[in-house]
Structure formats: structure tokens, C-alpha cells
């Protein structure tokens, strides 16, 4: 009796479970009635006919990620690289995802791998890293078109790692090293060039400054000499004018004659004092002759004995 009650209870629970269906948010259930599609159940509460209706497929509408395992791809210049990535997709049409293909996750993964190999084969190795974003975009575009009949929307694809062969890595490191050395040499040479240019410009400016200074000095000296000559000539003219005025006055000629005689005697005395060889007239009469010559100019003969 007790076992029968338990069995009846379990049957009732099973029937209730088959009768009441709760579809969670961001999910769709595919209902079949006697093996035929009867409807797509979105999130909510539903009643079903036990043993007649059944849930055949449960699809998750959230965005899902698929790890694309590493695979060897050959570039256009025959370089083998190992590439892996991550694919992002979501179910748009639960009915197509259920009946359009048996396993859309596996199919999408295989399609992503073949598409990636095809895109990498179009590029040379040197452009592979620089065009990573373009590769991702083309892979997404191609997969999205191919999975449209399956009710799948591929949102994005990201290449995770690109691993070239060890020999290629060594060559890349050597190339980077040589490039750094080349840039360093260029920087040093440019610095030396700028230094020489700055030095030559400095020397040129120094020469210009010296020549300008010399020019200004010569101009100043010339101006000084010109002013000196002007002052001397003005003073000489003024002196001659004063002498002329003095001579024209009474007693002026006698004064001039006396001044000339005095200067002659002073000059003669200086010669006799400083000269090692003394030359004197043989007779005093000759001295008188000298004064007579002077008297023709001065009109006055000084007395020798005085």
C-alpha cells in the first residue's frame, strides 16, 4: 500500500512537471507536439499537454564566447604561424538555431578556423601584425554571412596570439636591434651636423661683429682726425688773422722781426747745445752777414756785441 502511494505521488509530480513549463529570461524553448514544431516559447509561464507536448531544444539568447584553438596558418610569403582567438556570437532566431544545423557551436568554430586560415593566406608576414584589426573584421563579416541561415549573429572575433617560428623570432629581434642601431647613428649624425652648423654660424657672426666693430672704430678715428684737422686749421687761420692784424698796426713789423730773430737764436743755441760736432763761423763778420740777411726780411740788424 505504501509503495503504491509513493508511485502515484511520483507520477503526479512527473505529470505536473510535464504540464507546467517556466522559460527563464534570455532563453527560448522549442516545443514540439507529437514530433512536429508547435511553437517557440519565450520567457514566461506555459502549460503543456503531458506526453503530447515536449521541449525539444533550449536555446540561450545571451552573447556567448567560443575559444578558437591554436592552428597553423601559412602566410602569402610561406611563413608558418600559429594563431588562436576568441569568437563572440549570440542566437537571434531560436528556431533556425535548432533546425538549421545540428550543432551550431561546433560548426561556427570550424568555420572560424577555415576563414582565418584563408584571410592570413592573403597577407605577407610583415603585414600580419599591423593588419590584425582588418583580419578580425573580415573574419566576422565572412562568418556572419555564413551563419545567417542558422539564426546566429557573430558580433566580433579577436585574434589572441600570433606565434611565428623560433627562427623568425630571432630574425625579428636582429632586425629590431639593427633598426635601433640605425636610428641611434642617425640621431648622433644629426646632432653632430647641428653642432657643426651652430659652430660655423657662431664663427660667422663673430667675424661679422669684429668687422662691424673695426668699421665703427675706423669711422670714429676718421671723424676724430677730421675734427682735429678742422680745429687746427681754424686755430691756424685765427692765429694768422691775429698776426696780420698785429703787423698792420704801428710797431707790428718790428715786433715780428724781433720775434723771428729770437726764434733763430733759440734754435741756434739748441743746435750748439745738443750737437756733438760744433760748427761756428770763421769770423764774427760772418755772423754779421747772417744778421744782414735776416735784416732784409726784418729791416732791423741786431747788435752782435749786445
C-alpha atoms as a PDB file:
ATOM      1  CA  UNK A   1       0.000   0.000   0.000  1.00  0.00           C
ATOM      2  CA  UNK A   2       2.759   2.418   0.925  1.00  0.00           C
ATOM      3  CA  UNK A   3       4.730   1.682  -2.240  1.00  0.00           C
ATOM      4  CA  UNK A   4       1.675   2.330  -4.355  1.00  0.00           C
ATOM      5  CA  UNK A   5       1.158   5.725  -2.756  1.00  0.00           C
ATOM      6  CA  UNK A   6       4.730   6.648  -3.442  1.00  0.00           C
ATOM      7  CA  UNK A   7       4.447   5.594  -7.070  1.00  0.00           C
ATOM      8  CA  UNK A   8       1.232   7.553  -7.527  1.00  0.00           C
ATOM      9  CA  UNK A   9       2.825  10.597  -5.939  1.00  0.00           C
ATOM     10  CA  UNK A  10       5.837  10.407  -8.257  1.00  0.00           C
ATOM     11  CA  UNK A  11       3.556  10.027 -11.292  1.00  0.00           C
ATOM     12  CA  UNK A  12       1.584  13.100 -10.244  1.00  0.00           C
ATOM     13  CA  UNK A  13       4.815  15.107  -9.804  1.00  0.00           C
ATOM     14  CA  UNK A  14       6.044  13.973 -13.196  1.00  0.00           C
ATOM     15  CA  UNK A  15       2.752  14.928 -14.852  1.00  0.00           C
ATOM     16  CA  UNK A  16       2.831  18.348 -13.193  1.00  0.00           C
ATOM     17  CA  UNK A  17       6.419  18.825 -14.323  1.00  0.00           C
ATOM     18  CA  UNK A  18       5.457  17.970 -17.867  1.00  0.00           C
ATOM     19  CA  UNK A  19       2.397  20.193 -17.711  1.00  0.00           C
ATOM     20  CA  UNK A  20       3.924  23.393 -16.332  1.00  0.00           C
ATOM     21  CA  UNK A  21       6.954  24.947 -18.080  1.00  0.00           C
ATOM     22  CA  UNK A  22       8.802  28.078 -16.949  1.00  0.00           C
ATOM     23  CA  UNK A  23      11.105  29.655 -19.541  1.00  0.00           C
ATOM     24  CA  UNK A  24      13.817  31.847 -17.936  1.00  0.00           C
ATOM     25  CA  UNK A  25      14.828  35.277 -19.197  1.00  0.00           C
ATOM     26  CA  UNK A  26      17.126  35.436 -22.261  1.00  0.00           C
ATOM     27  CA  UNK A  27      16.130  31.915 -23.293  1.00  0.00           C
ATOM     28  CA  UNK A  28      13.772  30.297 -25.796  1.00  0.00           C
ATOM     29  CA  UNK A  29      12.353  26.786 -25.778  1.00  0.00           C
ATOM     30  CA  UNK A  30      11.344  24.938 -28.929  1.00  0.00           C
ATOM     31  CA  UNK A  31       8.068  22.999 -28.322  1.00  0.00           C
ATOM     32  CA  UNK A  32       7.089  20.035 -30.408  1.00  0.00           C
ATOM     33  CA  UNK A  33       3.722  18.279 -30.427  1.00  0.00           C
ATOM     34  CA  UNK A  34       3.931  14.686 -31.458  1.00  0.00           C
ATOM     35  CA  UNK A  35       7.309  15.397 -33.070  1.00  0.00           C
ATOM     36  CA  UNK A  36       6.161  18.482 -35.014  1.00  0.00           C
ATOM     37  CA  UNK A  37       7.179  22.063 -34.265  1.00  0.00           C
ATOM     38  CA  UNK A  38       4.389  23.600 -32.266  1.00  0.00           C
ATOM     39  CA  UNK A  39       5.854  26.870 -31.147  1.00  0.00           C
ATOM     40  CA  UNK A  40       8.771  28.877 -29.816  1.00  0.00           C
ATOM     41  CA  UNK A  41       8.357  29.654 -26.138  1.00  0.00           C
ATOM     42  CA  UNK A  42       9.940  32.850 -24.918  1.00  0.00           C
ATOM     43  CA  UNK A  43      10.499  33.735 -21.275  1.00  0.00           C
ATOM     44  CA  UNK A  44       7.380  33.144 -19.193  1.00  0.00           C
ATOM     45  CA  UNK A  45       4.957  30.526 -17.776  1.00  0.00           C
ATOM     46  CA  UNK A  46       3.358  27.897 -20.031  1.00  0.00           C
ATOM     47  CA  UNK A  47       1.040  24.824 -19.799  1.00  0.00           C
ATOM     48  CA  UNK A  48       1.693  21.754 -21.881  1.00  0.00           C
ATOM     49  CA  UNK A  49      -0.168  18.571 -22.629  1.00  0.00           C
ATOM     50  CA  UNK A  50       1.701  15.730 -20.927  1.00  0.00           C
ATOM     51  CA  UNK A  51       3.038  13.021 -23.212  1.00  0.00           C
ATOM     52  CA  UNK A  52       1.895  15.020 -26.250  1.00  0.00           C
ATOM     53  CA  UNK A  53       3.934  18.250 -26.000  1.00  0.00           C
ATOM     54  CA  UNK A  54       7.624  18.258 -25.237  1.00  0.00           C
ATOM     55  CA  UNK A  55      10.527  20.710 -25.170  1.00  0.00           C
ATOM     56  CA  UNK A  56      12.917  19.595 -27.906  1.00  0.00           C
ATOM     57  CA  UNK A  57      15.536  22.418 -27.786  1.00  0.00           C
ATOM     58  CA  UNK A  58      16.589  25.009 -25.261  1.00  0.00           C
ATOM     59  CA  UNK A  59      18.491  27.994 -26.714  1.00  0.00           C
ATOM     60  CA  UNK A  60      20.402  30.651 -24.770  1.00  0.00           C
ATOM     61  CA  UNK A  61      19.976  34.149 -26.235  1.00  0.00           C
ATOM     62  CA  UNK A  62      22.906  35.656 -24.324  1.00  0.00           C
ATOM     63  CA  UNK A  63      26.149  36.505 -26.122  1.00  0.00           C
ATOM     64  CA  UNK A  64      28.448  33.524 -25.946  1.00  0.00           C
ATOM     65  CA  UNK A  65      32.194  33.076 -26.418  1.00  0.00           C
ATOM     66  CA  UNK A  66      33.958  30.283 -28.235  1.00  0.00           C
ATOM     67  CA  UNK A  67      37.674  29.653 -27.850  1.00  0.00           C
ATOM     68  CA  UNK A  68      39.264  29.006 -31.219  1.00  0.00           C
ATOM     69  CA  UNK A  69      42.078  26.536 -30.626  1.00  0.00           C
ATOM     70  CA  UNK A  70      45.583  27.354 -31.949  1.00  0.00           C
ATOM     71  CA  UNK A  71      46.104  26.351 -35.542  1.00  0.00           C
ATOM     72  CA  UNK A  72      48.960  26.681 -38.031  1.00  0.00           C
ATOM     73  CA  UNK A  73      48.339  29.193 -40.817  1.00  0.00           C
ATOM     74  CA  UNK A  74      50.598  29.902 -43.795  1.00  0.00           C
ATOM     75  CA  UNK A  75      51.052  33.472 -44.968  1.00  0.00           C
ATOM     76  CA  UNK A  76      51.334  34.619 -48.563  1.00  0.00           C
ATOM     77  CA  UNK A  77      55.152  34.535 -48.350  1.00  0.00           C
ATOM     78  CA  UNK A  78      55.107  30.948 -46.990  1.00  0.00           C
ATOM     79  CA  UNK A  79      55.733  31.693 -43.310  1.00  0.00           C
ATOM     80  CA  UNK A  80      54.015  29.319 -40.888  1.00  0.00           C
ATOM     81  CA  UNK A  81      52.442  30.991 -37.865  1.00  0.00           C
ATOM     82  CA  UNK A  82      50.342  29.614 -35.054  1.00  0.00           C
ATOM     83  CA  UNK A  83      47.170  31.623 -34.418  1.00  0.00           C
ATOM     84  CA  UNK A  84      44.402  31.339 -31.849  1.00  0.00           C
ATOM     85  CA  UNK A  85      41.489  33.591 -30.998  1.00  0.00           C
ATOM     86  CA  UNK A  86      38.095  34.160 -29.402  1.00  0.00           C
ATOM     87  CA  UNK A  87      34.757  34.287 -31.226  1.00  0.00           C
ATOM     88  CA  UNK A  88      31.693  36.107 -29.865  1.00  0.00           C
ATOM     89  CA  UNK A  89      28.193  35.208 -31.054  1.00  0.00           C
ATOM     90  CA  UNK A  90      24.580  35.128 -29.993  1.00  0.00           C
ATOM     91  CA  UNK A  91      21.419  33.287 -31.069  1.00  0.00           C
ATOM     92  CA  UNK A  92      18.998  35.576 -32.879  1.00  0.00           C
ATOM     93  CA  UNK A  93      16.459  33.010 -34.122  1.00  0.00           C
ATOM     94  CA  UNK A  94      15.945  30.037 -31.828  1.00  0.00           C
ATOM     95  CA  UNK A  95      14.014  28.072 -34.438  1.00  0.00           C
ATOM     96  CA  UNK A  96      16.776  28.376 -37.073  1.00  0.00           C
ATOM     97  CA  UNK A  97      19.455  27.622 -34.495  1.00  0.00           C
ATOM     98  CA  UNK A  98      17.598  24.424 -33.592  1.00  0.00           C
ATOM     99  CA  UNK A  99      16.621  23.132 -37.034  1.00  0.00           C
ATOM    100  CA  UNK A 100      19.072  24.929 -39.348  1.00  0.00           C
ATOM    101  CA  UNK A 101      22.090  22.950 -38.198  1.00  0.00           C
ATOM    102  CA  UNK A 102      22.739  20.133 -35.805  1.00  0.00           C
ATOM    103  CA  UNK A 103      25.430  21.831 -33.667  1.00  0.00           C
ATOM    104  CA  UNK A 104      25.892  25.476 -34.491  1.00  0.00           C
ATOM    105  CA  UNK A 105      28.661  25.969 -31.896  1.00  0.00           C
ATOM    106  CA  UNK A 106      30.878  23.325 -33.469  1.00  0.00           C
ATOM    107  CA  UNK A 107      30.003  24.468 -36.978  1.00  0.00           C
ATOM    108  CA  UNK A 108      30.797  28.100 -36.174  1.00  0.00           C
ATOM    109  CA  UNK A 109      34.132  27.096 -34.640  1.00  0.00           C
ATOM    110  CA  UNK A 110      35.131  25.140 -37.735  1.00  0.00           C
ATOM    111  CA  UNK A 111      34.021  27.993 -39.968  1.00  0.00           C
ATOM    112  CA  UNK A 112      36.054  30.497 -37.940  1.00  0.00           C
ATOM    113  CA  UNK A 113      39.202  28.394 -38.302  1.00  0.00           C
ATOM    114  CA  UNK A 114      38.885  27.942 -42.052  1.00  0.00           C
ATOM    115  CA  UNK A 115      38.044  31.621 -42.582  1.00  0.00           C
ATOM    116  CA  UNK A 116      41.021  32.711 -40.502  1.00  0.00           C
ATOM    117  CA  UNK A 117      43.410  30.495 -42.475  1.00  0.00           C
ATOM    118  CA  UNK A 118      42.049  31.949 -45.702  1.00  0.00           C
ATOM    119  CA  UNK A 119      42.474  35.567 -44.577  1.00  0.00           C
ATOM    120  CA  UNK A 120      46.002  35.054 -43.255  1.00  0.00           C
ATOM    121  CA  UNK A 121      46.970  33.371 -46.521  1.00  0.00           C
ATOM    122  CA  UNK A 122      46.236  36.652 -48.329  1.00  0.00           C
ATOM    123  CA  UNK A 123      48.849  38.607 -46.340  1.00  0.00           C
ATOM    124  CA  UNK A 124      52.618  38.586 -46.074  1.00  0.00           C
ATOM    125  CA  UNK A 125      54.148  38.072 -42.662  1.00  0.00           C
ATOM    126  CA  UNK A 126      55.403  41.664 -42.246  1.00  0.00           C
ATOM    127  CA  UNK A 127      51.838  42.983 -42.594  1.00  0.00           C
ATOM    128  CA  UNK A 128      50.249  40.349 -40.403  1.00  0.00           C
ATOM    129  CA  UNK A 129      50.593  42.153 -37.080  1.00  0.00           C
ATOM    130  CA  UNK A 130      49.815  45.614 -38.412  1.00  0.00           C
ATOM    131  CA  UNK A 131      46.584  44.440 -40.081  1.00  0.00           C
ATOM    132  CA  UNK A 132      45.229  42.442 -37.165  1.00  0.00           C
ATOM    133  CA  UNK A 133      42.116  44.614 -36.854  1.00  0.00           C
ATOM    134  CA  UNK A 134      41.390  44.271 -40.581  1.00  0.00           C
ATOM    135  CA  UNK A 135      41.717  40.471 -40.304  1.00  0.00           C
ATOM    136  CA  UNK A 136      39.273  40.420 -37.373  1.00  0.00           C
ATOM    137  CA  UNK A 137      36.767  42.486 -39.308  1.00  0.00           C
ATOM    138  CA  UNK A 138      36.924  40.313 -42.415  1.00  0.00           C
ATOM    139  CA  UNK A 139      36.585  37.104 -40.372  1.00  0.00           C
ATOM    140  CA  UNK A 140      33.499  38.458 -38.612  1.00  0.00           C
ATOM    141  CA  UNK A 141      31.949  39.575 -41.904  1.00  0.00           C
ATOM    142  CA  UNK A 142      32.500  36.210 -43.606  1.00  0.00           C
ATOM    143  CA  UNK A 143      31.303  34.092 -40.657  1.00  0.00           C
ATOM    144  CA  UNK A 144      28.276  36.276 -40.095  1.00  0.00           C
ATOM    145  CA  UNK A 145      27.118  35.819 -43.678  1.00  0.00           C
ATOM    146  CA  UNK A 146      27.687  32.063 -43.484  1.00  0.00           C
ATOM    147  CA  UNK A 147      25.810  31.626 -40.179  1.00  0.00           C
ATOM    148  CA  UNK A 148      22.820  33.767 -41.094  1.00  0.00           C
ATOM    149  CA  UNK A 149      20.726  30.720 -42.144  1.00  0.00           C
ATOM    150  CA  UNK A 150      21.417  29.229 -38.729  1.00  0.00           C
ATOM    151  CA  UNK A 151      19.890  32.155 -36.862  1.00  0.00           C
ATOM    152  CA  UNK A 152      23.329  33.098 -35.469  1.00  0.00           C
ATOM    153  CA  UNK A 153      24.774  36.612 -35.203  1.00  0.00           C
ATOM    154  CA  UNK A 154      28.588  36.798 -34.968  1.00  0.00           C
ATOM    155  CA  UNK A 155      29.363  40.031 -33.121  1.00  0.00           C
ATOM    156  CA  UNK A 156      33.174  40.032 -33.175  1.00  0.00           C
ATOM    157  CA  UNK A 157      36.317  37.987 -33.462  1.00  0.00           C
ATOM    158  CA  UNK A 158      39.619  38.720 -31.739  1.00  0.00           C
ATOM    159  CA  UNK A 159      42.964  37.192 -32.637  1.00  0.00           C
ATOM    160  CA  UNK A 160      44.521  36.365 -29.298  1.00  0.00           C
ATOM    161  CA  UNK A 161      48.035  35.239 -30.200  1.00  0.00           C
ATOM    162  CA  UNK A 162      50.157  35.111 -33.334  1.00  0.00           C
ATOM    163  CA  UNK A 163      53.212  32.944 -32.752  1.00  0.00           C
ATOM    164  CA  UNK A 164      55.772  32.771 -35.558  1.00  0.00           C
ATOM    165  CA  UNK A 165      58.512  30.086 -35.704  1.00  0.00           C
ATOM    166  CA  UNK A 166      61.523  30.460 -33.425  1.00  0.00           C
ATOM    167  CA  UNK A 167      63.844  31.281 -36.326  1.00  0.00           C
ATOM    168  CA  UNK A 168      61.532  34.081 -37.427  1.00  0.00           C
ATOM    169  CA  UNK A 169      61.513  35.456 -33.884  1.00  0.00           C
ATOM    170  CA  UNK A 170      65.319  35.526 -33.852  1.00  0.00           C
ATOM    171  CA  UNK A 171      65.381  37.311 -37.208  1.00  0.00           C
ATOM    172  CA  UNK A 172      62.807  39.819 -35.973  1.00  0.00           C
ATOM    173  CA  UNK A 173      64.887  40.545 -32.874  1.00  0.00           C
ATOM    174  CA  UNK A 174      68.011  41.042 -35.000  1.00  0.00           C
ATOM    175  CA  UNK A 175      66.091  43.318 -37.337  1.00  0.00           C
ATOM    176  CA  UNK A 176      64.776  45.377 -34.436  1.00  0.00           C
ATOM    177  CA  UNK A 177      68.283  45.610 -32.988  1.00  0.00           C
ATOM    178  CA  UNK A 178      69.762  46.793 -36.287  1.00  0.00           C
ATOM    179  CA  UNK A 179      66.910  49.286 -36.679  1.00  0.00           C
ATOM    180  CA  UNK A 180      67.579  50.706 -33.219  1.00  0.00           C
ATOM    181  CA  UNK A 181      71.291  50.996 -34.001  1.00  0.00           C
ATOM    182  CA  UNK A 182      70.499  52.717 -37.305  1.00  0.00           C
ATOM    183  CA  UNK A 183      68.236  55.212 -35.580  1.00  0.00           C
ATOM    184  CA  UNK A 184      70.899  55.867 -32.945  1.00  0.00           C
ATOM    185  CA  UNK A 185      73.509  56.528 -35.642  1.00  0.00           C
ATOM    186  CA  UNK A 186      71.129  58.864 -37.449  1.00  0.00           C
ATOM    187  CA  UNK A 187      70.435  60.736 -34.220  1.00  0.00           C
ATOM    188  CA  UNK A 188      74.155  61.081 -33.463  1.00  0.00           C
ATOM    189  CA  UNK A 189      74.958  62.253 -37.004  1.00  0.00           C
ATOM    190  CA  UNK A 190      72.150  64.783 -36.905  1.00  0.00           C
ATOM    191  CA  UNK A 191      73.454  66.072 -33.585  1.00  0.00           C
ATOM    192  CA  UNK A 192      76.984  66.409 -34.980  1.00  0.00           C
ATOM    193  CA  UNK A 193      75.628  68.159 -38.069  1.00  0.00           C
ATOM    194  CA  UNK A 194      73.664  70.639 -35.980  1.00  0.00           C
ATOM    195  CA  UNK A 195      76.726  71.214 -33.805  1.00  0.00           C
ATOM    196  CA  UNK A 196      78.906  71.999 -36.841  1.00  0.00           C
ATOM    197  CA  UNK A 197      76.248  74.257 -38.284  1.00  0.00           C
ATOM    198  CA  UNK A 198      75.861  76.119 -34.998  1.00  0.00           C
ATOM    199  CA  UNK A 199      79.642  76.454 -34.677  1.00  0.00           C
ATOM    200  CA  UNK A 200      80.012  77.836 -38.205  1.00  0.00           C
ATOM    201  CA  UNK A 201      77.121  80.221 -37.662  1.00  0.00           C
ATOM    202  CA  UNK A 202      78.755  81.399 -34.439  1.00  0.00           C
ATOM    203  CA  UNK A 203      82.111  81.961 -36.158  1.00  0.00           C
ATOM    204  CA  UNK A 204      80.385  83.815 -38.990  1.00  0.00           C
ATOM    205  CA  UNK A 205      78.517  86.024 -36.552  1.00  0.00           C
ATOM    206  CA  UNK A 206      81.725  86.632 -34.612  1.00  0.00           C
ATOM    207  CA  UNK A 207      83.527  87.702 -37.813  1.00  0.00           C
ATOM    208  CA  UNK A 208      80.649  89.996 -38.682  1.00  0.00           C
ATOM    209  CA  UNK A 209      80.725  91.535 -35.226  1.00  0.00           C
ATOM    210  CA  UNK A 210      84.503  92.047 -35.366  1.00  0.00           C
ATOM    211  CA  UNK A 211      84.332  93.618 -38.824  1.00  0.00           C
ATOM    212  CA  UNK A 212      81.464  95.853 -37.740  1.00  0.00           C
ATOM    213  CA  UNK A 213      83.423  96.892 -34.667  1.00  0.00           C
ATOM    214  CA  UNK A 214      86.546  97.590 -36.773  1.00  0.00           C
ATOM    215  CA  UNK A 215      84.461  99.597 -39.224  1.00  0.00           C
ATOM    216  CA  UNK A 216      82.959 101.678 -36.438  1.00  0.00           C
ATOM    217  CA  UNK A 217      86.452 102.210 -34.939  1.00  0.00           C
ATOM    218  CA  UNK A 218      87.894 103.399 -38.262  1.00  0.00           C
ATOM    219  CA  UNK A 219      84.936 105.685 -38.848  1.00  0.00           C
ATOM    220  CA  UNK A 220      85.329 107.140 -35.364  1.00  0.00           C
ATOM    221  CA  UNK A 221      89.084 107.652 -35.876  1.00  0.00           C
ATOM    222  CA  UNK A 222      88.479 109.298 -39.239  1.00  0.00           C
ATOM    223  CA  UNK A 223      85.854 111.555 -37.696  1.00  0.00           C
ATOM    224  CA  UNK A 224      88.314 112.404 -34.889  1.00  0.00           C
ATOM    225  CA  UNK A 225      91.106 113.240 -37.314  1.00  0.00           C
ATOM    226  CA  UNK A 226      88.772 115.307 -39.447  1.00  0.00           C
ATOM    227  CA  UNK A 227      87.626 117.239 -36.391  1.00  0.00           C
ATOM    228  CA  UNK A 228      91.254 117.640 -35.277  1.00  0.00           C
ATOM    229  CA  UNK A 229      92.295 118.980 -38.685  1.00  0.00           C
ATOM    230  CA  UNK A 230      89.301 121.293 -38.688  1.00  0.00           C
ATOM    231  CA  UNK A 231      90.168 122.649 -35.245  1.00  0.00           C
ATOM    232  CA  UNK A 232      93.879 123.072 -36.132  1.00  0.00           C
ATOM    233  CA  UNK A 233      93.071 124.804 -39.403  1.00  0.00           C
ATOM    234  CA  UNK A 234      90.575 127.075 -37.680  1.00  0.00           C
ATOM    235  CA  UNK A 235      93.107 127.863 -34.979  1.00  0.00           C
ATOM    236  CA  UNK A 236      95.864 128.488 -37.563  1.00  0.00           C
ATOM    237  CA  UNK A 237      93.599 130.730 -39.586  1.00  0.00           C
ATOM    238  CA  UNK A 238      92.655 132.605 -36.453  1.00  0.00           C
ATOM    239  CA  UNK A 239      96.309 132.966 -35.466  1.00  0.00           C
ATOM    240  CA  UNK A 240      97.333 134.206 -38.898  1.00  0.00           C
ATOM    241  CA  UNK A 241      94.474 136.644 -38.819  1.00  0.00           C
ATOM    242  CA  UNK A 242      95.640 137.958 -35.465  1.00  0.00           C
ATOM    243  CA  UNK A 243      99.258 138.186 -36.695  1.00  0.00           C
ATOM    244  CA  UNK A 244      98.124 140.031 -39.808  1.00  0.00           C
ATOM    245  CA  UNK A 245      96.149 142.456 -37.699  1.00  0.00           C
ATOM    246  CA  UNK A 246      99.122 142.918 -35.367  1.00  0.00           C
ATOM    247  CA  UNK A 247     101.547 143.580 -38.231  1.00  0.00           C
ATOM    248  CA  UNK A 248      99.251 146.179 -39.730  1.00  0.00           C
ATOM    249  CA  UNK A 249      99.362 148.141 -36.512  1.00  0.00           C
ATOM    250  CA  UNK A 250     102.189 150.559 -35.562  1.00  0.00           C
ATOM    251  CA  UNK A 251     105.337 148.751 -34.490  1.00  0.00           C
ATOM    252  CA  UNK A 252     103.960 145.437 -35.625  1.00  0.00           C
ATOM    253  CA  UNK A 253     106.656 144.730 -38.193  1.00  0.00           C
ATOM    254  CA  UNK A 254     109.448 145.447 -35.715  1.00  0.00           C
ATOM    255  CA  UNK A 255     107.838 143.062 -33.250  1.00  0.00           C
ATOM    256  CA  UNK A 256     107.615 140.344 -35.846  1.00  0.00           C
ATOM    257  CA  UNK A 257     111.242 140.857 -36.854  1.00  0.00           C
ATOM    258  CA  UNK A 258     112.310 140.670 -33.264  1.00  0.00           C
ATOM    259  CA  UNK A 259     110.300 137.501 -32.727  1.00  0.00           C
ATOM    260  CA  UNK A 260     111.872 135.832 -35.754  1.00  0.00           C
ATOM    261  CA  UNK A 261     115.360 136.798 -34.613  1.00  0.00           C
ATOM    262  CA  UNK A 262     114.683 135.483 -31.165  1.00  0.00           C
ATOM    263  CA  UNK A 263     113.449 132.159 -32.524  1.00  0.00           C
ATOM    264  CA  UNK A 264     116.527 131.899 -34.751  1.00  0.00           C
ATOM    265  CA  UNK A 265     118.851 132.462 -31.853  1.00  0.00           C
ATOM    266  CA  UNK A 266     116.996 129.943 -29.721  1.00  0.00           C
ATOM    267  CA  UNK A 267     117.186 127.361 -32.449  1.00  0.00           C
ATOM    268  CA  UNK A 268     120.907 128.024 -33.000  1.00  0.00           C
ATOM    269  CA  UNK A 269     121.587 127.716 -29.316  1.00  0.00           C
ATOM    270  CA  UNK A 270     119.713 124.439 -29.155  1.00  0.00           C
ATOM    271  CA  UNK A 271     121.733 123.058 -32.062  1.00  0.00           C
ATOM    272  CA  UNK A 272     125.016 124.084 -30.484  1.00  0.00           C
ATOM    273  CA  UNK A 273     123.982 122.582 -27.179  1.00  0.00           C
ATOM    274  CA  UNK A 274     122.744 119.196 -28.468  1.00  0.00           C
ATOM    275  CA  UNK A 275     125.030 118.576 -31.456  1.00  0.00           C
ATOM    276  CA  UNK A 276     128.240 116.586 -30.928  1.00  0.00           C
ATOM    277  CA  UNK A 277     130.020 118.485 -33.712  1.00  0.00           C
ATOM    278  CA  UNK A 278     130.033 122.229 -33.383  1.00  0.00           C
ATOM    279  CA  UNK A 279     130.307 124.368 -36.461  1.00  0.00           C
ATOM    280  CA  UNK A 280     130.892 128.092 -35.949  1.00  0.00           C
ATOM    281  CA  UNK A 281     131.655 130.843 -38.422  1.00  0.00           C
ATOM    282  CA  UNK A 282     135.363 131.595 -39.007  1.00  0.00           C
ATOM    283  CA  UNK A 283     134.959 135.251 -38.093  1.00  0.00           C
ATOM    284  CA  UNK A 284     132.401 137.191 -36.381  1.00  0.00           C
ATOM    285  CA  UNK A 285     131.957 139.089 -39.623  1.00  0.00           C
ATOM    286  CA  UNK A 286     130.260 136.070 -40.978  1.00  0.00           C
ATOM    287  CA  UNK A 287     127.784 136.233 -38.132  1.00  0.00           C
ATOM    288  CA  UNK A 288     127.154 139.753 -39.086  1.00  0.00           C
ATOM    289  CA  UNK A 289     126.463 138.566 -42.601  1.00  0.00           C
ATOM    290  CA  UNK A 290     123.888 136.249 -41.277  1.00  0.00           C
ATOM    291  CA  UNK A 291     122.122 139.043 -39.491  1.00  0.00           C
ATOM    292  CA  UNK A 292     122.357 141.218 -42.558  1.00  0.00           C
ATOM    293  CA  UNK A 293     120.458 138.506 -44.443  1.00  0.00           C
ATOM    294  CA  UNK A 294     117.880 138.493 -41.738  1.00  0.00           C
ATOM    295  CA  UNK A 295     117.677 142.293 -41.813  1.00  0.00           C
ATOM    296  CA  UNK A 296     116.435 142.150 -45.357  1.00  0.00           C
ATOM    297  CA  UNK A 297     113.424 140.390 -44.002  1.00  0.00           C
ATOM    298  CA  UNK A 298     113.122 142.115 -40.650  1.00  0.00           C
ATOM    299  CA  UNK A 299     114.557 145.543 -41.715  1.00  0.00           C
ATOM    300  CA  UNK A 300     116.497 145.508 -38.408  1.00  0.00           C
ATOM    301  CA  UNK A 301     120.013 144.208 -37.675  1.00  0.00           C
ATOM    302  CA  UNK A 302     120.512 143.072 -34.138  1.00  0.00           C
ATOM    303  CA  UNK A 303     123.774 144.150 -32.464  1.00  0.00           C
ATOM    304  CA  UNK A 304     126.187 141.246 -32.157  1.00  0.00           C
ATOM    305  CA  UNK A 305     128.076 142.591 -29.231  1.00  0.00           C
ATOM    306  CA  UNK A 306     124.968 143.219 -27.265  1.00  0.00           C
END
